[in-house]
Amino acid sequence: MTLLLGIDVGTTGTKSLLLDSEKGVVAEAERPNQLHSINPGWAEEDTSEWWRNVCATTRELVEGVDV
């Protein structure tokens, strides 16, 4: 079985999925990203949160599939 890991770090959340080359999507996981707006018209995100979310969603995918 060949598995591919897809990760999308977007404005509102981090989404990860595990794909089997023959079966398609095997597992999906998502975590929200918090948007910080300290001034009008500003938007900032915490890159440490992105990394924590990538680690958490990847761990969830691997734990949920017989690899």
C-alpha atoms as a PDB file:
ATOM      1  CA  MET A   1       0.000   0.000   0.000  1.00  0.00           C
ATOM      2  CA  THR A   2       1.373   3.421  -0.987  1.00  0.00           C
ATOM      3  CA  LEU A   3       0.152   6.258   1.238  1.00  0.00           C
ATOM      4  CA  LEU A   4       0.434   9.972   0.606  1.00  0.00           C
ATOM      5  CA  LEU A   5       0.069  12.685   3.245  1.00  0.00           C
ATOM      6  CA  GLY A   6      -1.617  15.947   2.262  1.00  0.00           C
ATOM      7  CA  ILE A   7      -1.466  19.006   4.527  1.00  0.00           C
ATOM      8  CA  ASP A   8      -3.264  22.325   4.013  1.00  0.00           C
ATOM      9  CA  VAL A   9      -2.494  25.139   6.455  1.00  0.00           C
ATOM     10  CA  GLY A  10      -5.108  27.786   5.706  1.00  0.00           C
ATOM     11  CA  THR A  11      -6.432  30.914   7.345  1.00  0.00           C
ATOM     12  CA  THR A  12      -9.178  29.201   9.324  1.00  0.00           C
ATOM     13  CA  GLY A  13      -7.697  25.779   9.925  1.00  0.00           C
ATOM     14  CA  THR A  14      -5.152  23.051   9.317  1.00  0.00           C
ATOM     15  CA  LYS A  15      -6.432  20.059   7.367  1.00  0.00           C
ATOM     16  CA  SER A  16      -4.571  16.825   6.792  1.00  0.00           C
ATOM     17  CA  LEU A  17      -5.508  13.730   4.883  1.00  0.00           C
ATOM     18  CA  LEU A  18      -4.043  10.364   4.135  1.00  0.00           C
ATOM     19  CA  LEU A  19      -4.467   9.022   0.614  1.00  0.00           C
ATOM     20  CA  ASP A  20      -4.100   5.485  -0.638  1.00  0.00           C
ATOM     21  CA  SER A  21      -2.898   5.434  -4.245  1.00  0.00           C
ATOM     22  CA  GLU A  22      -5.665   2.959  -5.139  1.00  0.00           C
ATOM     23  CA  LYS A  23      -8.487   3.626  -2.636  1.00  0.00           C
ATOM     24  CA  GLY A  24      -8.382   7.419  -2.395  1.00  0.00           C
ATOM     25  CA  VAL A  25      -8.911   9.205   0.928  1.00  0.00           C
ATOM     26  CA  VAL A  26      -8.257   6.857   3.852  1.00  0.00           C
ATOM     27  CA  ALA A  27      -8.438   9.325   6.759  1.00  0.00           C
ATOM     28  CA  GLU A  28      -8.948  13.048   7.417  1.00  0.00           C
ATOM     29  CA  ALA A  29      -8.268  15.328  10.388  1.00  0.00           C
ATOM     30  CA  GLU A  30      -8.720  19.046  11.025  1.00  0.00           C
ATOM     31  CA  ARG A  31      -7.831  21.625  13.687  1.00  0.00           C
ATOM     32  CA  PRO A  32      -8.919  25.284  13.770  1.00  0.00           C
ATOM     33  CA  ASN A  33      -6.380  28.116  13.479  1.00  0.00           C
ATOM     34  CA  GLN A  34      -6.968  31.153  15.646  1.00  0.00           C
ATOM     35  CA  LEU A  35      -6.860  34.505  13.843  1.00  0.00           C
ATOM     36  CA  HIS A  36      -5.546  37.407  15.936  1.00  0.00           C
ATOM     37  CA  SER A  37      -6.649  40.939  15.081  1.00  0.00           C
ATOM     38  CA  ILE A  38      -5.084  43.442  17.470  1.00  0.00           C
ATOM     39  CA  ASN A  39      -5.822  46.461  15.263  1.00  0.00           C
ATOM     40  CA  PRO A  40      -8.550  47.193  12.693  1.00  0.00           C
ATOM     41  CA  GLY A  41      -7.604  45.742   9.315  1.00  0.00           C
ATOM     42  CA  TRP A  42      -4.820  43.592  10.786  1.00  0.00           C
ATOM     43  CA  ALA A  43      -4.749  39.819  10.868  1.00  0.00           C
ATOM     44  CA  GLU A  44      -2.020  37.662  12.367  1.00  0.00           C
ATOM     45  CA  GLU A  45      -1.600  33.959  13.029  1.00  0.00           C
ATOM     46  CA  ASP A  46       0.720  32.049  15.311  1.00  0.00           C
ATOM     47  CA  THR A  47       3.061  29.843  13.269  1.00  0.00           C
ATOM     48  CA  SER A  48       3.698  27.724  16.383  1.00  0.00           C
ATOM     49  CA  GLU A  49      -0.016  26.898  16.362  1.00  0.00           C
ATOM     50  CA  TRP A  50       0.279  25.855  12.715  1.00  0.00           C
ATOM     51  CA  TRP A  51       3.076  23.438  13.619  1.00  0.00           C
ATOM     52  CA  ARG A  52       1.169  22.031  16.626  1.00  0.00           C
ATOM     53  CA  ASN A  53      -1.862  21.494  14.382  1.00  0.00           C
ATOM     54  CA  VAL A  54       0.212  19.768  11.683  1.00  0.00           C
ATOM     55  CA  CYS A  55       1.716  17.443  14.311  1.00  0.00           C
ATOM     56  CA  ALA A  56      -1.679  16.757  15.929  1.00  0.00           C
ATOM     57  CA  THR A  57      -3.529  16.023  12.684  1.00  0.00           C
ATOM     58  CA  THR A  58      -0.703  13.858  11.343  1.00  0.00           C
ATOM     59  CA  ARG A  59      -0.588  11.876  14.595  1.00  0.00           C
ATOM     60  CA  GLU A  60      -4.382  11.418  14.455  1.00  0.00           C
ATOM     61  CA  LEU A  61      -4.192  10.120  10.883  1.00  0.00           C
ATOM     62  CA  VAL A  62      -1.429   7.627  11.613  1.00  0.00           C
ATOM     63  CA  GLU A  63      -3.093   6.366  14.810  1.00  0.00           C
ATOM     64  CA  GLY A  64      -6.378   5.807  12.977  1.00  0.00           C
ATOM     65  CA  VAL A  65      -4.970   3.713  10.134  1.00  0.00           C
ATOM     66  CA  ASP A  66      -3.235   0.329  10.119  1.00  0.00           C
ATOM     67  CA  VAL A  67       0.085   1.394   8.589  1.00  0.00           C
END
